Amino acid sequence: MPISEVRVSKTGPAGPHAEVIVDGKITASQLGSLMQSVTTNKAVLSAAGLRACAGCKSGLDIHILDRFQEVIQVEY
């Protein structure tokens, strides 16, 4: 099963946003199901400062990112 992680914030570049981090093994169907879960989950919408409205999912920017196999820390 592919790994996914959702990070939600009330303050993003253009307002509330969610970052969905997935690995390369996710299928389009699985990603669709994950997006459905993110946009209808009352806890996620509440964490983003939005009210859970079944008919409206506007106001939440969603960024889908690929999980890297290796993370490199750079000090400057």
Protein backbone atom coordinates (compact mmCIF):
# COMPACT_ATOMS: atom_id res chain seq x y z
CA MET A 1 0.00 0.00 0.00
CA PRO A 2 1.42 3.41 -0.94
CA ILE A 3 2.37 5.78 1.87
CA SER A 4 0.63 9.12 2.13
CA GLU A 5 0.79 12.03 4.53
CA VAL A 6 -1.45 15.09 4.73
CA ARG A 7 -0.28 18.37 6.26
CA VAL A 8 -2.90 21.08 6.75
CA SER A 9 -2.36 24.75 7.56
CA LYS A 10 -4.66 27.75 7.98
CA THR A 11 -2.03 30.06 6.54
CA GLY A 12 -0.50 29.22 3.21
CA PRO A 13 0.64 31.30 0.22
CA ALA A 14 -3.00 31.99 -0.74
CA GLY A 15 -4.86 31.02 2.44
CA PRO A 16 -5.74 27.60 3.84
CA HIS A 17 -3.85 24.77 2.19
CA ALA A 18 -3.15 21.07 2.41
CA GLU A 19 0.02 19.32 1.31
CA VAL A 20 -0.55 15.73 0.28
CA ILE A 21 2.71 13.80 0.21
CA VAL A 22 2.59 10.46 -1.60
CA ASP A 23 5.07 7.88 -2.76
CA GLY A 24 5.53 6.93 -6.40
CA LYS A 25 3.51 3.72 -6.09
CA ILE A 26 0.14 5.45 -5.70
CA THR A 27 -2.37 4.87 -8.49
CA ALA A 28 -4.76 7.45 -9.91
CA SER A 29 -7.66 5.64 -8.27
CA GLN A 30 -5.97 5.69 -4.86
CA LEU A 31 -5.08 9.36 -5.27
CA GLY A 32 -8.70 10.13 -6.16
CA SER A 33 -9.90 8.35 -3.04
CA LEU A 34 -7.36 10.22 -0.94
CA MET A 35 -8.46 13.57 -2.39
CA GLN A 36 -12.09 12.68 -1.66
CA SER A 37 -11.12 11.90 1.94
CA VAL A 38 -9.20 15.16 2.34
CA THR A 39 -11.98 17.34 0.94
CA THR A 40 -14.78 15.72 2.95
CA ASN A 41 -13.04 15.06 6.27
CA LYS A 42 -14.46 17.49 8.84
CA ALA A 43 -11.30 17.32 10.99
CA VAL A 44 -9.10 18.30 8.01
CA LEU A 45 -11.38 21.17 6.99
CA SER A 46 -11.63 22.37 10.58
CA ALA A 47 -7.82 22.29 10.95
CA ALA A 48 -7.60 24.48 7.84
CA GLY A 49 -10.08 26.94 9.34
CA LEU A 50 -12.89 26.01 6.94
CA ARG A 51 -16.40 24.87 7.71
CA ALA A 52 -17.32 21.39 6.52
CA CYS A 53 -19.80 21.95 3.71
CA ALA A 54 -20.85 18.92 1.68
CA GLY A 55 -21.57 20.98 -1.44
CA CYS A 56 -18.55 23.28 -1.40
CA LYS A 57 -14.85 22.44 -1.30
CA SER A 58 -13.55 25.84 -2.37
CA GLY A 59 -11.08 27.74 -0.27
CA LEU A 60 -8.62 24.89 0.30
CA ASP A 61 -5.57 24.79 -1.95
CA ILE A 62 -4.23 21.26 -2.32
CA HIS A 63 -0.60 20.63 -3.26
CA ILE A 64 0.34 17.06 -4.21
CA LEU A 65 4.01 16.30 -3.62
CA ASP A 66 6.12 13.24 -4.33
CA ARG A 67 7.84 11.74 -1.30
CA PHE A 68 11.59 11.64 -1.80
CA GLN A 69 13.47 8.46 -1.02
CA GLU A 70 16.31 10.45 0.51
CA VAL A 71 16.20 13.82 2.21
CA ILE A 72 19.42 15.79 2.19
CA GLN A 73 19.99 18.31 4.97
CA VAL A 74 21.97 21.36 3.84
CA GLU A 75 23.46 23.79 6.32
CA TYR A 76 24.24 27.32 5.24
